[in-house]
């Protein structure tokens, strides 16, 4: 239903793919952001 509302409003939909990894749940243990290493996805 929300997609129908968006279509009627003239708002486009496009898709990309990013496979979200378990690293998204890992806490930041460093005291400074420069010391944190992100996991790849």
ModelCIF file with pLDDT and N, C-alpha, C, O atoms, coordinates in Angstrom:
data_MODEL
#
_entry.id   MODEL 
#
_entity.id                         1 
_entity.type                       polymer 
_entity.pdbx_number_of_molecules   1 
#
_entity_poly.entity_id                      1 
_entity_poly.type                           'polypeptide(L)' 
_entity_poly.nstd_linkage                   no 
_entity_poly.nstd_monomer                   no 
_entity_poly.pdbx_seq_one_letter_code       
;(UNK)(UNK)(UNK)(UNK)(UNK)(UNK)(UNK)(UNK)(UNK)(UNK)(UNK)(UNK)(UNK)(UNK)(UNK)(UNK)
(UNK)(UNK)(UNK)(UNK)(UNK)(UNK)(UNK)(UNK)(UNK)(UNK)(UNK)(UNK)(UNK)(UNK)(UNK)(UNK)
(UNK)(UNK)(UNK)(UNK)(UNK)(UNK)(UNK)(UNK)(UNK)
;
_entity_poly.pdbx_seq_one_letter_code_can   XXXXXXXXXXXXXXXXXXXXXXXXXXXXXXXXXXXXXXXXX 
_entity_poly.pdbx_strand_id                 A 
#
loop_
_entity_poly_seq.entity_id 
_entity_poly_seq.num 
_entity_poly_seq.mon_id 
_entity_poly_seq.hetero 
1 1  UNK n 
1 2  UNK n 
1 3  UNK n 
1 4  UNK n 
1 5  UNK n 
1 6  UNK n 
1 7  UNK n 
1 8  UNK n 
1 9  UNK n 
1 10 UNK n 
1 11 UNK n 
1 12 UNK n 
1 13 UNK n 
1 14 UNK n 
1 15 UNK n 
1 16 UNK n 
1 17 UNK n 
1 18 UNK n 
1 19 UNK n 
1 20 UNK n 
1 21 UNK n 
1 22 UNK n 
1 23 UNK n 
1 24 UNK n 
1 25 UNK n 
1 26 UNK n 
1 27 UNK n 
1 28 UNK n 
1 29 UNK n 
1 30 UNK n 
1 31 UNK n 
1 32 UNK n 
1 33 UNK n 
1 34 UNK n 
1 35 UNK n 
1 36 UNK n 
1 37 UNK n 
1 38 UNK n 
1 39 UNK n 
1 40 UNK n 
1 41 UNK n 
#
_struct_asym.id          A 
_struct_asym.entity_id   1 
#
loop_
_ma_qa_metric.id 
_ma_qa_metric.mode 
_ma_qa_metric.name 
_ma_qa_metric.software_group_id 
_ma_qa_metric.type 
1 global pLDDT . pLDDT 
2 local  pLDDT . pLDDT 
#
_ma_qa_metric_global.metric_id      1 
_ma_qa_metric_global.metric_value   89.10 
_ma_qa_metric_global.model_id       1 
_ma_qa_metric_global.ordinal_id     1 
#
loop_
_ma_qa_metric_local.label_asym_id 
_ma_qa_metric_local.label_comp_id 
_ma_qa_metric_local.label_seq_id 
_ma_qa_metric_local.metric_id 
_ma_qa_metric_local.metric_value 
_ma_qa_metric_local.model_id 
_ma_qa_metric_local.ordinal_id 
A UNK 1  2 97.00 1 1  
A UNK 2  2 98.00 1 2  
A UNK 3  2 98.00 1 3  
A UNK 4  2 98.00 1 4  
A UNK 5  2 97.00 1 5  
A UNK 6  2 98.00 1 6  
A UNK 7  2 98.00 1 7  
A UNK 8  2 98.00 1 8  
A UNK 9  2 97.00 1 9  
A UNK 10 2 98.00 1 10 
A UNK 11 2 98.00 1 11 
A UNK 12 2 98.00 1 12 
A UNK 13 2 98.00 1 13 
A UNK 14 2 98.00 1 14 
A UNK 15 2 98.00 1 15 
A UNK 16 2 98.00 1 16 
A UNK 17 2 97.00 1 17 
A UNK 18 2 96.00 1 18 
A UNK 19 2 93.00 1 19 
A UNK 20 2 89.00 1 20 
A UNK 21 2 81.00 1 21 
A UNK 22 2 68.00 1 22 
A UNK 23 2 68.00 1 23 
A UNK 24 2 68.00 1 24 
A UNK 25 2 65.00 1 25 
A UNK 26 2 69.00 1 26 
A UNK 27 2 72.00 1 27 
A UNK 28 2 84.00 1 28 
A UNK 29 2 85.00 1 29 
A UNK 30 2 88.00 1 30 
A UNK 31 2 92.00 1 31 
A UNK 32 2 93.00 1 32 
A UNK 33 2 90.00 1 33 
A UNK 34 2 90.00 1 34 
A UNK 35 2 89.00 1 35 
A UNK 36 2 87.00 1 36 
A UNK 37 2 83.00 1 37 
A UNK 38 2 85.00 1 38 
A UNK 39 2 81.00 1 39 
A UNK 40 2 85.00 1 40 
A UNK 41 2 90.00 1 41 
#
loop_
_atom_site.group_PDB 
_atom_site.id 
_atom_site.type_symbol 
_atom_site.label_atom_id 
_atom_site.label_alt_id 
_atom_site.label_comp_id 
_atom_site.label_asym_id 
_atom_site.label_entity_id 
_atom_site.label_seq_id 
_atom_site.pdbx_PDB_ins_code 
_atom_site.Cartn_x 
_atom_site.Cartn_y 
_atom_site.Cartn_z 
_atom_site.occupancy 
_atom_site.B_iso_or_equiv 
_atom_site.pdbx_formal_charge 
_atom_site.auth_seq_id 
_atom_site.auth_comp_id 
_atom_site.auth_asym_id 
_atom_site.auth_atom_id 
_atom_site.pdbx_PDB_model_num 
ATOM 1   N N  . UNK A 1 1  ? 0.824  -1.203 0.000  1.00 97.00 ? 1  UNK A N  1 
ATOM 2   C CA . UNK A 1 1  ? 0.000  0.000  0.000  1.00 97.00 ? 1  UNK A CA 1 
ATOM 3   C C  . UNK A 1 1  ? 0.863  1.260  0.000  1.00 97.00 ? 1  UNK A C  1 
ATOM 4   O O  . UNK A 1 1  ? 0.546  2.226  -0.695 1.00 97.00 ? 1  UNK A O  1 
ATOM 5   N N  . UNK A 1 2  ? 1.946  1.259  0.771  1.00 98.00 ? 2  UNK A N  1 
ATOM 6   C CA . UNK A 1 2  ? 2.838  2.415  0.788  1.00 98.00 ? 2  UNK A CA 1 
ATOM 7   C C  . UNK A 1 2  ? 3.522  2.577  -0.565 1.00 98.00 ? 2  UNK A C  1 
ATOM 8   O O  . UNK A 1 2  ? 3.693  3.703  -1.034 1.00 98.00 ? 2  UNK A O  1 
ATOM 9   N N  . UNK A 1 3  ? 3.911  1.486  -1.193 1.00 98.00 ? 3  UNK A N  1 
ATOM 10  C CA . UNK A 1 3  ? 4.473  1.573  -2.539 1.00 98.00 ? 3  UNK A CA 1 
ATOM 11  C C  . UNK A 1 3  ? 3.475  2.211  -3.507 1.00 98.00 ? 3  UNK A C  1 
ATOM 12  O O  . UNK A 1 3  ? 3.861  3.027  -4.344 1.00 98.00 ? 3  UNK A O  1 
ATOM 13  N N  . UNK A 1 4  ? 2.214  1.849  -3.399 1.00 98.00 ? 4  UNK A N  1 
ATOM 14  C CA . UNK A 1 4  ? 1.185  2.440  -4.258 1.00 98.00 ? 4  UNK A CA 1 
ATOM 15  C C  . UNK A 1 4  ? 1.091  3.948  -4.018 1.00 98.00 ? 4  UNK A C  1 
ATOM 16  O O  . UNK A 1 4  ? 0.958  4.715  -4.972 1.00 98.00 ? 4  UNK A O  1 
ATOM 17  N N  . UNK A 1 5  ? 1.156  4.375  -2.777 1.00 97.00 ? 5  UNK A N  1 
ATOM 18  C CA . UNK A 1 5  ? 1.100  5.793  -2.454 1.00 97.00 ? 5  UNK A CA 1 
ATOM 19  C C  . UNK A 1 5  ? 2.288  6.547  -3.063 1.00 97.00 ? 5  UNK A C  1 
ATOM 20  O O  . UNK A 1 5  ? 2.134  7.645  -3.597 1.00 97.00 ? 5  UNK A O  1 
ATOM 21  N N  . UNK A 1 6  ? 3.460  5.942  -2.972 1.00 98.00 ? 6  UNK A N  1 
ATOM 22  C CA . UNK A 1 6  ? 4.675  6.562  -3.520 1.00 98.00 ? 6  UNK A CA 1 
ATOM 23  C C  . UNK A 1 6  ? 4.597  6.647  -5.040 1.00 98.00 ? 6  UNK A C  1 
ATOM 24  O O  . UNK A 1 6  ? 4.980  7.658  -5.629 1.00 98.00 ? 6  UNK A O  1 
ATOM 25  N N  . UNK A 1 7  ? 4.101  5.590  -5.673 1.00 98.00 ? 7  UNK A N  1 
ATOM 26  C CA . UNK A 1 7  ? 3.944  5.594  -7.130 1.00 98.00 ? 7  UNK A CA 1 
ATOM 27  C C  . UNK A 1 7  ? 2.993  6.715  -7.565 1.00 98.00 ? 7  UNK A C  1 
ATOM 28  O O  . UNK A 1 7  ? 3.269  7.441  -8.519 1.00 98.00 ? 7  UNK A O  1 
ATOM 29  N N  . UNK A 1 8  ? 1.881  6.840  -6.858 1.00 98.00 ? 8  UNK A N  1 
ATOM 30  C CA . UNK A 1 8  ? 0.895  7.860  -7.207 1.00 98.00 ? 8  UNK A CA 1 
ATOM 31  C C  . UNK A 1 8  ? 1.457  9.270  -7.039 1.00 98.00 ? 8  UNK A C  1 
ATOM 32  O O  . UNK A 1 8  ? 1.018  10.200 -7.716 1.00 98.00 ? 8  UNK A O  1 
ATOM 33  N N  . UNK A 1 9  ? 2.418  9.430  -6.146 1.00 97.00 ? 9  UNK A N  1 
ATOM 34  C CA . UNK A 1 9  ? 3.046  10.725 -5.890 1.00 97.00 ? 9  UNK A CA 1 
ATOM 35  C C  . UNK A 1 9  ? 4.143  11.038 -6.909 1.00 97.00 ? 9  UNK A C  1 
ATOM 36  O O  . UNK A 1 9  ? 4.639  12.164 -6.949 1.00 97.00 ? 9  UNK A O  1 
ATOM 37  N N  . UNK A 1 10 ? 4.529  10.057 -7.732 1.00 98.00 ? 10 UNK A N  1 
ATOM 38  C CA . UNK A 1 10 ? 5.582  10.270 -8.718 1.00 98.00 ? 10 UNK A CA 1 
ATOM 39  C C  . UNK A 1 10 ? 6.981  10.135 -8.154 1.00 98.00 ? 10 UNK A C  1 
ATOM 40  O O  . UNK A 1 10 ? 7.912  10.803 -8.603 1.00 98.00 ? 10 UNK A O  1 
ATOM 41  N N  . UNK A 1 11 ? 7.123  9.262  -7.162 1.00 98.00 ? 11 UNK A N  1 
ATOM 42  C CA . UNK A 1 11 ? 8.430  9.031  -6.525 1.00 98.00 ? 11 UNK A CA 1 
ATOM 43  C C  . UNK A 1 11 ? 8.979  7.694  -7.017 1.00 98.00 ? 11 UNK A C  1 
ATOM 44  O O  . UNK A 1 11 ? 8.316  6.662  -6.918 1.00 98.00 ? 11 UNK A O  1 
ATOM 45  N N  . UNK A 1 12 ? 10.186 7.729  -7.541 1.00 98.00 ? 12 UNK A N  1 
ATOM 46  C CA . UNK A 1 12 ? 10.787 6.542  -8.139 1.00 98.00 ? 12 UNK A CA 1 
ATOM 47  C C  . UNK A 1 12 ? 11.305 5.577  -7.074 1.00 98.00 ? 12 UNK A C  1 
ATOM 48  O O  . UNK A 1 12 ? 11.545 5.953  -5.926 1.00 98.00 ? 12 UNK A O  1 
ATOM 49  N N  . UNK A 1 13 ? 11.471 4.314  -7.496 1.00 98.00 ? 13 UNK A N  1 
ATOM 50  C CA . UNK A 1 13 ? 12.103 3.296  -6.651 1.00 98.00 ? 13 UNK A CA 1 
ATOM 51  C C  . UNK A 1 13 ? 13.261 2.670  -7.422 1.00 98.00 ? 13 UNK A C  1 
ATOM 52  O O  . UNK A 1 13 ? 13.115 2.276  -8.579 1.00 98.00 ? 13 UNK A O  1 
ATOM 53  N N  . UNK A 1 14 ? 14.421 2.586  -6.755 1.00 98.00 ? 14 UNK A N  1 
ATOM 54  C CA . UNK A 1 14 ? 15.589 1.934  -7.339 1.00 98.00 ? 14 UNK A CA 1 
ATOM 55  C C  . UNK A 1 14 ? 16.217 1.031  -6.277 1.00 98.00 ? 14 UNK A C  1 
ATOM 56  O O  . UNK A 1 14 ? 16.013 1.223  -5.078 1.00 98.00 ? 14 UNK A O  1 
ATOM 57  N N  . UNK A 1 15 ? 16.991 0.036  -6.748 1.00 98.00 ? 15 UNK A N  1 
ATOM 58  C CA . UNK A 1 15 ? 17.515 -0.974 -5.838 1.00 98.00 ? 15 UNK A CA 1 
ATOM 59  C C  . UNK A 1 15 ? 19.021 -1.149 -6.007 1.00 98.00 ? 15 UNK A C  1 
ATOM 60  O O  . UNK A 1 15 ? 19.545 -1.171 -7.121 1.00 98.00 ? 15 UNK A O  1 
ATOM 61  N N  . UNK A 1 16 ? 19.692 -1.273 -4.881 1.00 98.00 ? 16 UNK A N  1 
ATOM 62  C CA . UNK A 1 16 ? 21.102 -1.657 -4.825 1.00 98.00 ? 16 UNK A CA 1 
ATOM 63  C C  . UNK A 1 16 ? 21.182 -2.865 -3.894 1.00 98.00 ? 16 UNK A C  1 
ATOM 64  O O  . UNK A 1 16 ? 20.194 -3.232 -3.259 1.00 98.00 ? 16 UNK A O  1 
ATOM 65  N N  . UNK A 1 17 ? 22.347 -3.474 -3.818 1.00 97.00 ? 17 UNK A N  1 
ATOM 66  C CA . UNK A 1 17 ? 22.516 -4.647 -2.950 1.00 97.00 ? 17 UNK A CA 1 
ATOM 67  C C  . UNK A 1 17 ? 23.749 -4.475 -2.074 1.00 97.00 ? 17 UNK A C  1 
ATOM 68  O O  . UNK A 1 17 ? 24.857 -4.304 -2.582 1.00 97.00 ? 17 UNK A O  1 
ATOM 69  N N  . UNK A 1 18 ? 23.560 -4.519 -0.774 1.00 96.00 ? 18 UNK A N  1 
ATOM 70  C CA . UNK A 1 18 ? 24.673 -4.595 0.175  1.00 96.00 ? 18 UNK A CA 1 
ATOM 71  C C  . UNK A 1 18 ? 24.342 -5.700 1.168  1.00 96.00 ? 18 UNK A C  1 
ATOM 72  O O  . UNK A 1 18 ? 23.360 -5.612 1.905  1.00 96.00 ? 18 UNK A O  1 
ATOM 73  N N  . UNK A 1 19 ? 25.165 -6.738 1.182  1.00 93.00 ? 19 UNK A N  1 
ATOM 74  C CA . UNK A 1 19 ? 24.919 -7.857 2.091  1.00 93.00 ? 19 UNK A CA 1 
ATOM 75  C C  . UNK A 1 19 ? 25.419 -7.488 3.490  1.00 93.00 ? 19 UNK A C  1 
ATOM 76  O O  . UNK A 1 19 ? 26.619 -7.490 3.764  1.00 93.00 ? 19 UNK A O  1 
ATOM 77  N N  . UNK A 1 20 ? 24.468 -7.176 4.357  1.00 89.00 ? 20 UNK A N  1 
ATOM 78  C CA . UNK A 1 20 ? 24.792 -6.695 5.700  1.00 89.00 ? 20 UNK A CA 1 
ATOM 79  C C  . UNK A 1 20 ? 25.428 -7.823 6.500  1.00 89.00 ? 20 UNK A C  1 
ATOM 80  O O  . UNK A 1 20 ? 24.888 -8.928 6.553  1.00 89.00 ? 20 UNK A O  1 
ATOM 81  N N  . UNK A 1 21 ? 26.577 -7.550 7.123  1.00 81.00 ? 21 UNK A N  1 
ATOM 82  C CA . UNK A 1 21 ? 27.294 -8.556 7.887  1.00 81.00 ? 21 UNK A CA 1 
ATOM 83  C C  . UNK A 1 21 ? 27.052 -8.440 9.372  1.00 81.00 ? 21 UNK A C  1 
ATOM 84  O O  . UNK A 1 21 ? 26.464 -7.469 9.849  1.00 81.00 ? 21 UNK A O  1 
ATOM 85  N N  . UNK A 1 22 ? 27.515 -9.446 10.101 1.00 68.00 ? 22 UNK A N  1 
ATOM 86  C CA . UNK A 1 22 ? 27.344 -9.452 11.558 1.00 68.00 ? 22 UNK A CA 1 
ATOM 87  C C  . UNK A 1 22 ? 28.133 -8.343 12.227 1.00 68.00 ? 22 UNK A C  1 
ATOM 88  O O  . UNK A 1 22 ? 27.861 -8.004 13.378 1.00 68.00 ? 22 UNK A O  1 
ATOM 89  N N  . UNK A 1 23 ? 29.108 -7.770 11.529 1.00 68.00 ? 23 UNK A N  1 
ATOM 90  C CA . UNK A 1 23 ? 29.885 -6.675 12.090 1.00 68.00 ? 23 UNK A CA 1 
ATOM 91  C C  . UNK A 1 23 ? 29.049 -5.455 12.421 1.00 68.00 ? 23 UNK A C  1 
ATOM 92  O O  . UNK A 1 23 ? 29.472 -4.604 13.202 1.00 68.00 ? 23 UNK A O  1 
ATOM 93  N N  . UNK A 1 24 ? 27.843 -5.360 11.823 1.00 68.00 ? 24 UNK A N  1 
ATOM 94  C CA . UNK A 1 24 ? 26.972 -4.226 12.112 1.00 68.00 ? 24 UNK A CA 1 
ATOM 95  C C  . UNK A 1 24 ? 26.557 -4.197 13.581 1.00 68.00 ? 24 UNK A C  1 
ATOM 96  O O  . UNK A 1 24 ? 26.198 -3.140 14.098 1.00 68.00 ? 24 UNK A O  1 
ATOM 97  N N  . UNK A 1 25 ? 26.602 -5.354 14.263 1.00 65.00 ? 25 UNK A N  1 
ATOM 98  C CA . UNK A 1 25 ? 26.194 -5.420 15.666 1.00 65.00 ? 25 UNK A CA 1 
ATOM 99  C C  . UNK A 1 25 ? 27.366 -5.247 16.633 1.00 65.00 ? 25 UNK A C  1 
ATOM 100 O O  . UNK A 1 25 ? 27.156 -5.147 17.842 1.00 65.00 ? 25 UNK A O  1 
ATOM 101 N N  . UNK A 1 26 ? 28.593 -5.211 16.118 1.00 69.00 ? 26 UNK A N  1 
ATOM 102 C CA . UNK A 1 26 ? 29.746 -5.154 17.010 1.00 69.00 ? 26 UNK A CA 1 
ATOM 103 C C  . UNK A 1 26 ? 29.860 -3.780 17.667 1.00 69.00 ? 26 UNK A C  1 
ATOM 104 O O  . UNK A 1 26 ? 29.711 -2.764 16.988 1.00 69.00 ? 26 UNK A O  1 
ATOM 105 N N  . UNK A 1 27 ? 30.119 -3.729 18.956 1.00 72.00 ? 27 UNK A N  1 
ATOM 106 C CA . UNK A 1 27 ? 30.270 -2.447 19.629 1.00 72.00 ? 27 UNK A CA 1 
ATOM 107 C C  . UNK A 1 27 ? 31.590 -1.781 19.251 1.00 72.00 ? 27 UNK A C  1 
ATOM 108 O O  . UNK A 1 27 ? 32.545 -2.446 18.848 1.00 72.00 ? 27 UNK A O  1 
ATOM 109 N N  . UNK A 1 28 ? 31.623 -0.467 19.387 1.00 84.00 ? 28 UNK A N  1 
ATOM 110 C CA . UNK A 1 28 ? 32.866 0.275  19.186 1.00 84.00 ? 28 UNK A CA 1 
ATOM 111 C C  . UNK A 1 28 ? 33.610 0.263  20.512 1.00 84.00 ? 28 UNK A C  1 
ATOM 112 O O  . UNK A 1 28 ? 33.194 0.906  21.476 1.00 84.00 ? 28 UNK A O  1 
ATOM 113 N N  . UNK A 1 29 ? 34.709 -0.470 20.550 1.00 85.00 ? 29 UNK A N  1 
ATOM 114 C CA . UNK A 1 29 ? 35.456 -0.624 21.800 1.00 85.00 ? 29 UNK A CA 1 
ATOM 115 C C  . UNK A 1 29 ? 36.553 0.427  21.966 1.00 85.00 ? 29 UNK A C  1 
ATOM 116 O O  . UNK A 1 29 ? 37.074 0.611  23.066 1.00 85.00 ? 29 UNK A O  1 
ATOM 117 N N  . UNK A 1 30 ? 36.902 1.109  20.888 1.00 88.00 ? 30 UNK A N  1 
ATOM 118 C CA . UNK A 1 30 ? 37.948 2.120  20.943 1.00 88.00 ? 30 UNK A CA 1 
ATOM 119 C C  . UNK A 1 30 ? 37.440 3.373  21.650 1.00 88.00 ? 30 UNK A C  1 
ATOM 120 O O  . UNK A 1 30 ? 36.234 3.602  21.738 1.00 88.00 ? 30 UNK A O  1 
ATOM 121 N N  . UNK A 1 31 ? 38.365 4.175  22.149 1.00 92.00 ? 31 UNK A N  1 
ATOM 122 C CA . UNK A 1 31 ? 38.002 5.440  22.791 1.00 92.00 ? 31 UNK A CA 1 
ATOM 123 C C  . UNK A 1 31 ? 37.887 6.569  21.775 1.00 92.00 ? 31 UNK A C  1 
ATOM 124 O O  . UNK A 1 31 ? 37.253 7.591  22.040 1.00 92.00 ? 31 UNK A O  1 
ATOM 125 N N  . UNK A 1 32 ? 38.508 6.378  20.606 1.00 93.00 ? 32 UNK A N  1 
ATOM 126 C CA . UNK A 1 32 ? 38.498 7.398  19.565 1.00 93.00 ? 32 UNK A CA 1 
ATOM 127 C C  . UNK A 1 32 ? 38.079 6.754  18.254 1.00 93.00 ? 32 UNK A C  1 
ATOM 128 O O  . UNK A 1 32 ? 38.456 5.616  17.972 1.00 93.00 ? 32 UNK A O  1 
ATOM 129 N N  . UNK A 1 33 ? 37.305 7.472  17.453 1.00 90.00 ? 33 UNK A N  1 
ATOM 130 C CA . UNK A 1 33 ? 36.801 6.889  16.204 1.00 90.00 ? 33 UNK A CA 1 
ATOM 131 C C  . UNK A 1 33 ? 37.928 6.505  15.249 1.00 90.00 ? 33 UNK A C  1 
ATOM 132 O O  . UNK A 1 33 ? 37.761 5.595  14.438 1.00 90.00 ? 33 UNK A O  1 
ATOM 133 N N  . UNK A 1 34 ? 39.072 7.184  15.333 1.00 90.00 ? 34 UNK A N  1 
ATOM 134 C CA . UNK A 1 34 ? 40.176 6.870  14.430 1.00 90.00 ? 34 UNK A CA 1 
ATOM 135 C C  . UNK A 1 34 ? 40.773 5.490  14.700 1.00 90.00 ? 34 UNK A C  1 
ATOM 136 O O  . UNK A 1 34 ? 41.497 4.950  13.864 1.00 90.00 ? 34 UNK A O  1 
ATOM 137 N N  . UNK A 1 35 ? 40.470 4.922  15.862 1.00 89.00 ? 35 UNK A N  1 
ATOM 138 C CA . UNK A 1 35 ? 41.043 3.625  16.238 1.00 89.00 ? 35 UNK A CA 1 
ATOM 139 C C  . UNK A 1 35 ? 40.107 2.462  15.927 1.00 89.00 ? 35 UNK A C  1 
ATOM 140 O O  . UNK A 1 35 ? 40.471 1.304  16.133 1.00 89.00 ? 35 UNK A O  1 
ATOM 141 N N  . UNK A 1 36 ? 38.902 2.758  15.430 1.00 87.00 ? 36 UNK A N  1 
ATOM 142 C CA . UNK A 1 36 ? 37.934 1.697  15.147 1.00 87.00 ? 36 UNK A CA 1 
ATOM 143 C C  . UNK A 1 36 ? 38.093 1.197  13.723 1.00 87.00 ? 36 UNK A C  1 
ATOM 144 O O  . UNK A 1 36 ? 38.232 1.990  12.792 1.00 87.00 ? 36 UNK A O  1 
ATOM 145 N N  . UNK A 1 37 ? 38.074 -0.120 13.553 1.00 83.00 ? 37 UNK A N  1 
ATOM 146 C CA . UNK A 1 37 ? 38.165 -0.724 12.225 1.00 83.00 ? 37 UNK A CA 1 
ATOM 147 C C  . UNK A 1 37 ? 36.814 -1.315 11.845 1.00 83.00 ? 37 UNK A C  1 
ATOM 148 O O  . UNK A 1 37 ? 36.275 -2.166 12.553 1.00 83.00 ? 37 UNK A O  1 
ATOM 149 N N  . UNK A 1 38 ? 36.271 -0.853 10.713 1.00 85.00 ? 38 UNK A N  1 
ATOM 150 C CA . UNK A 1 38 ? 34.990 -1.358 10.224 1.00 85.00 ? 38 UNK A CA 1 
ATOM 151 C C  . UNK A 1 38 ? 35.190 -2.696 9.515  1.00 85.00 ? 38 UNK A C  1 
ATOM 152 O O  . UNK A 1 38 ? 36.214 -2.912 8.869  1.00 85.00 ? 38 UNK A O  1 
ATOM 153 N N  . UNK A 1 39 ? 34.216 -3.587 9.636  1.00 81.00 ? 39 UNK A N  1 
ATOM 154 C CA . UNK A 1 39 ? 34.228 -4.821 8.873  1.00 81.00 ? 39 UNK A CA 1 
ATOM 155 C C  . UNK A 1 39 ? 33.696 -4.557 7.466  1.00 81.00 ? 39 UNK A C  1 
ATOM 156 O O  . UNK A 1 39 ? 32.805 -3.730 7.269  1.00 81.00 ? 39 UNK A O  1 
ATOM 157 N N  . UNK A 1 40 ? 34.250 -5.265 6.505  1.00 85.00 ? 40 UNK A N  1 
ATOM 158 C CA . UNK A 1 40 ? 33.825 -5.099 5.114  1.00 85.00 ? 40 UNK A CA 1 
ATOM 159 C C  . UNK A 1 40 ? 32.501 -5.815 4.859  1.00 85.00 ? 40 UNK A C  1 
ATOM 160 O O  . UNK A 1 40 ? 32.181 -6.823 5.490  1.00 85.00 ? 40 UNK A O  1 
ATOM 161 N N  . UNK A 1 41 ? 31.750 -5.264 3.920  1.00 90.00 ? 41 UNK A N  1 
ATOM 162 C CA . UNK A 1 41 ? 30.509 -5.877 3.452  1.00 90.00 ? 41 UNK A CA 1 
ATOM 163 C C  . UNK A 1 41 ? 30.494 -5.789 1.926  1.00 90.00 ? 41 UNK A C  1 
ATOM 164 O O  . UNK A 1 41 ? 29.542 -6.242 1.291  1.00 90.00 ? 41 UNK A O  1 
#
